[in-house]
N, C-alpha and C. Protein backbone atom coordinates (compact mmCIF):
# COMPACT_ATOMS: atom_id res chain seq x y z
N MET A 1 -60.70 18.74 -21.91
CA MET A 1 -61.32 17.43 -21.76
C MET A 1 -60.22 16.39 -21.73
N LYS A 2 -60.45 15.34 -20.98
CA LYS A 2 -59.49 14.25 -20.89
C LYS A 2 -59.73 13.23 -22.00
N PHE A 3 -58.66 12.56 -22.39
CA PHE A 3 -58.74 11.56 -23.44
C PHE A 3 -59.79 10.50 -23.11
N ALA A 4 -59.77 9.99 -21.87
CA ALA A 4 -60.69 8.93 -21.48
C ALA A 4 -62.15 9.37 -21.66
N GLU A 5 -62.44 10.61 -21.29
CA GLU A 5 -63.81 11.12 -21.43
C GLU A 5 -64.21 11.21 -22.90
N LYS A 6 -63.29 11.70 -23.74
CA LYS A 6 -63.57 11.85 -25.17
C LYS A 6 -63.80 10.49 -25.82
N LEU A 7 -62.99 9.51 -25.45
CA LEU A 7 -63.14 8.17 -26.01
C LEU A 7 -64.50 7.59 -25.63
N ARG A 8 -64.88 7.71 -24.36
CA ARG A 8 -66.20 7.21 -23.92
C ARG A 8 -67.33 7.91 -24.68
N GLU A 9 -67.19 9.23 -24.82
CA GLU A 9 -68.21 10.01 -25.53
C GLU A 9 -68.35 9.56 -26.98
N MET A 10 -67.22 9.41 -27.66
CA MET A 10 -67.25 9.01 -29.07
C MET A 10 -67.79 7.60 -29.25
N ARG A 11 -67.39 6.70 -28.35
CA ARG A 11 -67.87 5.32 -28.43
C ARG A 11 -69.39 5.28 -28.22
N SER A 12 -69.85 6.04 -27.24
CA SER A 12 -71.28 6.09 -26.94
C SER A 12 -72.07 6.66 -28.13
N LYS A 13 -71.57 7.75 -28.73
CA LYS A 13 -72.23 8.35 -29.89
C LYS A 13 -72.29 7.39 -31.07
N ALA A 14 -71.27 6.53 -31.17
CA ALA A 14 -71.24 5.54 -32.25
C ALA A 14 -72.14 4.34 -31.94
N GLY A 15 -72.66 4.29 -30.71
CA GLY A 15 -73.54 3.19 -30.33
C GLY A 15 -72.82 1.88 -30.14
N LEU A 16 -71.57 1.94 -29.73
CA LEU A 16 -70.76 0.74 -29.57
C LEU A 16 -70.48 0.44 -28.10
N SER A 17 -70.46 -0.82 -27.76
CA SER A 17 -70.00 -1.24 -26.43
C SER A 17 -68.47 -1.23 -26.46
N GLN A 18 -67.86 -1.38 -25.30
CA GLN A 18 -66.40 -1.45 -25.28
C GLN A 18 -65.90 -2.63 -26.10
N SER A 19 -66.55 -3.77 -25.96
CA SER A 19 -66.10 -4.96 -26.70
C SER A 19 -66.33 -4.80 -28.20
N ALA A 20 -67.43 -4.15 -28.60
CA ALA A 20 -67.68 -3.92 -30.02
C ALA A 20 -66.64 -2.98 -30.62
N LEU A 21 -66.29 -1.92 -29.89
CA LEU A 21 -65.26 -1.01 -30.36
C LEU A 21 -63.92 -1.74 -30.45
N ALA A 22 -63.63 -2.56 -29.46
CA ALA A 22 -62.38 -3.32 -29.47
C ALA A 22 -62.28 -4.19 -30.72
N ARG A 23 -63.36 -4.92 -31.02
CA ARG A 23 -63.37 -5.78 -32.22
C ARG A 23 -63.18 -4.95 -33.48
N LYS A 24 -63.92 -3.84 -33.57
CA LYS A 24 -63.87 -3.00 -34.76
C LYS A 24 -62.49 -2.37 -34.95
N ALA A 25 -61.85 -2.02 -33.83
CA ALA A 25 -60.53 -1.38 -33.89
C ALA A 25 -59.40 -2.39 -34.00
N GLY A 26 -59.67 -3.63 -33.66
CA GLY A 26 -58.63 -4.66 -33.71
C GLY A 26 -57.73 -4.65 -32.48
N VAL A 27 -58.30 -4.28 -31.34
CA VAL A 27 -57.54 -4.29 -30.08
C VAL A 27 -58.33 -5.12 -29.07
N GLY A 28 -57.71 -5.41 -27.95
CA GLY A 28 -58.39 -6.16 -26.91
C GLY A 28 -59.40 -5.31 -26.16
N ALA A 29 -60.45 -5.95 -25.65
CA ALA A 29 -61.46 -5.23 -24.87
C ALA A 29 -60.82 -4.60 -23.63
N GLY A 30 -59.82 -5.26 -23.07
CA GLY A 30 -59.12 -4.71 -21.91
C GLY A 30 -58.42 -3.40 -22.24
N THR A 31 -57.97 -3.26 -23.47
CA THR A 31 -57.33 -2.02 -23.89
C THR A 31 -58.32 -0.87 -23.86
N ILE A 32 -59.50 -1.09 -24.41
CA ILE A 32 -60.53 -0.04 -24.41
C ILE A 32 -60.91 0.31 -22.99
N HIS A 33 -61.12 -0.70 -22.17
CA HIS A 33 -61.49 -0.47 -20.78
C HIS A 33 -60.41 0.36 -20.07
N ALA A 34 -59.16 -0.03 -20.22
CA ALA A 34 -58.06 0.68 -19.55
C ALA A 34 -57.93 2.12 -20.06
N LEU A 35 -58.13 2.33 -21.35
CA LEU A 35 -58.07 3.69 -21.90
C LEU A 35 -59.20 4.55 -21.36
N GLU A 36 -60.39 3.99 -21.26
CA GLU A 36 -61.53 4.75 -20.77
C GLU A 36 -61.45 5.01 -19.27
N GLN A 37 -60.71 4.19 -18.56
CA GLN A 37 -60.53 4.40 -17.13
C GLN A 37 -59.32 5.29 -16.83
N GLY A 38 -58.58 5.67 -17.88
CA GLY A 38 -57.39 6.48 -17.69
C GLY A 38 -56.23 5.71 -17.10
N LYS A 39 -56.26 4.40 -17.26
CA LYS A 39 -55.21 3.54 -16.70
C LYS A 39 -54.15 3.18 -17.72
N ARG A 40 -54.35 3.61 -18.94
CA ARG A 40 -53.39 3.31 -20.00
C ARG A 40 -53.24 4.52 -20.89
N ILE A 41 -52.02 4.76 -21.35
CA ILE A 41 -51.73 5.87 -22.26
C ILE A 41 -51.85 5.33 -23.68
N PRO A 42 -52.62 6.00 -24.54
CA PRO A 42 -52.76 5.50 -25.91
C PRO A 42 -51.49 5.75 -26.73
N THR A 43 -51.11 4.75 -27.49
CA THR A 43 -49.98 4.91 -28.40
C THR A 43 -50.51 5.47 -29.72
N PHE A 44 -49.62 5.95 -30.56
CA PHE A 44 -50.05 6.49 -31.85
C PHE A 44 -50.79 5.45 -32.68
N PRO A 45 -50.28 4.20 -32.78
CA PRO A 45 -51.03 3.20 -33.55
C PRO A 45 -52.42 2.94 -32.98
N ILE A 46 -52.57 2.95 -31.66
CA ILE A 46 -53.89 2.76 -31.05
C ILE A 46 -54.81 3.92 -31.45
N LEU A 47 -54.29 5.15 -31.42
CA LEU A 47 -55.10 6.30 -31.82
C LEU A 47 -55.56 6.16 -33.27
N GLN A 48 -54.68 5.67 -34.13
CA GLN A 48 -55.05 5.46 -35.52
C GLN A 48 -56.16 4.42 -35.65
N MET A 49 -56.03 3.31 -34.93
CA MET A 49 -57.04 2.25 -35.00
C MET A 49 -58.38 2.74 -34.45
N LEU A 50 -58.34 3.51 -33.36
CA LEU A 50 -59.58 4.05 -32.79
C LEU A 50 -60.24 5.02 -33.75
N SER A 51 -59.43 5.87 -34.38
CA SER A 51 -59.98 6.84 -35.34
C SER A 51 -60.68 6.15 -36.49
N ARG A 52 -60.05 5.10 -37.03
CA ARG A 52 -60.66 4.36 -38.12
C ARG A 52 -61.95 3.68 -37.67
N ALA A 53 -61.90 3.04 -36.50
CA ALA A 53 -63.07 2.32 -36.00
C ALA A 53 -64.24 3.26 -35.70
N LEU A 54 -63.92 4.45 -35.21
CA LEU A 54 -64.97 5.43 -34.87
C LEU A 54 -65.29 6.35 -36.04
N GLU A 55 -64.62 6.11 -37.17
CA GLU A 55 -64.82 6.87 -38.40
C GLU A 55 -64.70 8.38 -38.17
N GLY A 56 -63.64 8.73 -37.47
CA GLY A 56 -63.35 10.14 -37.19
C GLY A 56 -61.93 10.48 -37.58
N PRO A 57 -61.63 11.75 -37.71
CA PRO A 57 -60.27 12.17 -38.06
C PRO A 57 -59.32 12.05 -36.87
N MET A 58 -58.05 11.88 -37.14
CA MET A 58 -57.04 11.83 -36.08
C MET A 58 -57.05 13.11 -35.25
N GLY A 59 -57.42 14.22 -35.85
CA GLY A 59 -57.41 15.51 -35.17
C GLY A 59 -58.36 15.59 -33.99
N VAL A 60 -59.28 14.64 -33.88
CA VAL A 60 -60.23 14.66 -32.77
C VAL A 60 -59.51 14.50 -31.44
N TRP A 61 -58.33 13.91 -31.45
CA TRP A 61 -57.58 13.67 -30.22
C TRP A 61 -56.70 14.87 -29.83
N ASP A 62 -56.53 15.82 -30.72
CA ASP A 62 -55.68 16.98 -30.44
C ASP A 62 -56.16 17.76 -29.23
N GLY A 63 -55.22 18.13 -28.38
CA GLY A 63 -55.51 18.98 -27.25
C GLY A 63 -56.13 18.30 -26.05
N LEU A 64 -56.32 16.99 -26.10
CA LEU A 64 -56.90 16.28 -24.97
C LEU A 64 -55.84 16.00 -23.92
N GLU A 65 -56.23 16.02 -22.67
CA GLU A 65 -55.31 15.75 -21.56
C GLU A 65 -55.16 14.25 -21.36
N ILE A 66 -53.92 13.84 -21.15
CA ILE A 66 -53.63 12.46 -20.80
C ILE A 66 -52.76 12.52 -19.56
N GLU A 67 -53.24 11.90 -18.50
CA GLU A 67 -52.49 11.91 -17.25
C GLU A 67 -51.74 10.59 -17.11
N ALA A 68 -50.44 10.69 -16.92
CA ALA A 68 -49.62 9.51 -16.73
C ALA A 68 -49.37 9.32 -15.23
N THR A 69 -49.72 8.16 -14.73
CA THR A 69 -49.49 7.85 -13.33
C THR A 69 -48.10 7.22 -13.19
N PRO A 70 -47.53 7.23 -12.00
CA PRO A 70 -46.22 6.59 -11.81
C PRO A 70 -46.22 5.12 -12.23
N LYS A 71 -47.35 4.44 -12.01
CA LYS A 71 -47.44 3.02 -12.40
C LYS A 71 -47.32 2.87 -13.92
N MET A 72 -47.92 3.81 -14.68
CA MET A 72 -47.82 3.75 -16.14
C MET A 72 -46.40 3.94 -16.61
N LEU A 73 -45.63 4.72 -15.85
CA LEU A 73 -44.27 5.03 -16.25
C LEU A 73 -43.26 3.99 -15.78
N ALA A 74 -43.71 3.03 -14.98
CA ALA A 74 -42.81 2.00 -14.48
C ALA A 74 -42.40 1.07 -15.61
N VAL A 75 -41.16 0.67 -15.56
CA VAL A 75 -40.61 -0.25 -16.56
C VAL A 75 -40.36 -1.57 -15.86
N LYS A 76 -40.77 -2.66 -16.47
CA LYS A 76 -40.54 -3.97 -15.88
C LYS A 76 -39.08 -4.36 -16.03
N SER A 77 -38.49 -4.82 -14.94
CA SER A 77 -37.12 -5.32 -15.00
C SER A 77 -37.17 -6.77 -15.48
N LYS A 78 -36.01 -7.35 -15.74
CA LYS A 78 -35.97 -8.72 -16.26
C LYS A 78 -36.58 -9.72 -15.29
N ASP A 79 -36.54 -9.42 -13.99
CA ASP A 79 -37.12 -10.35 -13.03
C ASP A 79 -38.62 -10.13 -12.85
N GLY A 80 -39.22 -9.19 -13.65
CA GLY A 80 -40.66 -9.00 -13.64
C GLY A 80 -41.17 -7.99 -12.62
N ARG A 81 -40.28 -7.48 -11.78
CA ARG A 81 -40.73 -6.49 -10.80
C ARG A 81 -40.73 -5.11 -11.44
N GLY A 82 -41.67 -4.29 -11.03
CA GLY A 82 -41.73 -2.92 -11.53
C GLY A 82 -40.51 -2.13 -11.10
N LYS A 83 -40.04 -1.29 -11.96
CA LYS A 83 -38.87 -0.47 -11.67
C LYS A 83 -39.11 0.88 -12.32
N ALA A 84 -38.90 1.94 -11.57
CA ALA A 84 -39.10 3.28 -12.13
C ALA A 84 -38.16 3.47 -13.31
N CYS A 85 -38.63 4.18 -14.32
CA CYS A 85 -37.83 4.35 -15.52
C CYS A 85 -36.70 5.36 -15.34
N GLY A 86 -36.74 6.14 -14.26
CA GLY A 86 -35.72 7.14 -14.06
C GLY A 86 -36.01 8.43 -14.80
N CYS A 87 -37.15 8.48 -15.46
CA CYS A 87 -37.53 9.68 -16.20
C CYS A 87 -38.27 10.62 -15.26
N PRO A 88 -38.18 11.92 -15.52
CA PRO A 88 -39.00 12.82 -14.71
C PRO A 88 -40.46 12.58 -15.02
N ALA A 89 -41.31 12.72 -14.02
CA ALA A 89 -42.75 12.55 -14.24
C ALA A 89 -43.23 13.65 -15.17
N PRO A 90 -43.97 13.29 -16.21
CA PRO A 90 -44.43 14.31 -17.16
C PRO A 90 -45.55 15.14 -16.58
N ASP A 91 -45.64 16.36 -17.07
CA ASP A 91 -46.82 17.16 -16.77
C ASP A 91 -47.94 16.58 -17.62
N THR A 92 -49.16 16.93 -17.30
CA THR A 92 -50.27 16.50 -18.15
C THR A 92 -50.03 17.09 -19.52
N GLN A 93 -50.03 16.25 -20.54
CA GLN A 93 -49.70 16.70 -21.88
C GLN A 93 -50.84 16.43 -22.82
N ALA A 94 -50.89 17.20 -23.87
CA ALA A 94 -51.89 16.98 -24.92
C ALA A 94 -51.36 15.95 -25.89
N VAL A 95 -52.27 15.21 -26.48
CA VAL A 95 -51.90 14.20 -27.48
C VAL A 95 -51.61 14.91 -28.77
């Protein structure tokens, strides 16, 4: 299962909208939306905040697929333009 699918499933089971989960977790609504669309990679602190807000253990995220797109891996240069980080593209990895 993909991280985005699991997050949507857990949020739905908790009866929360994206904005309600965002408020409860202490993150922006755009963050929840981007995570559920697979457009953002969750950081460890975000996973912790989501776990607390959804009242679930951190282990619920174990083994989920997270796909990183080239855009996610781009690093902004000082002039604000996207620039590849020079890292090899990761395989789909588990959290």
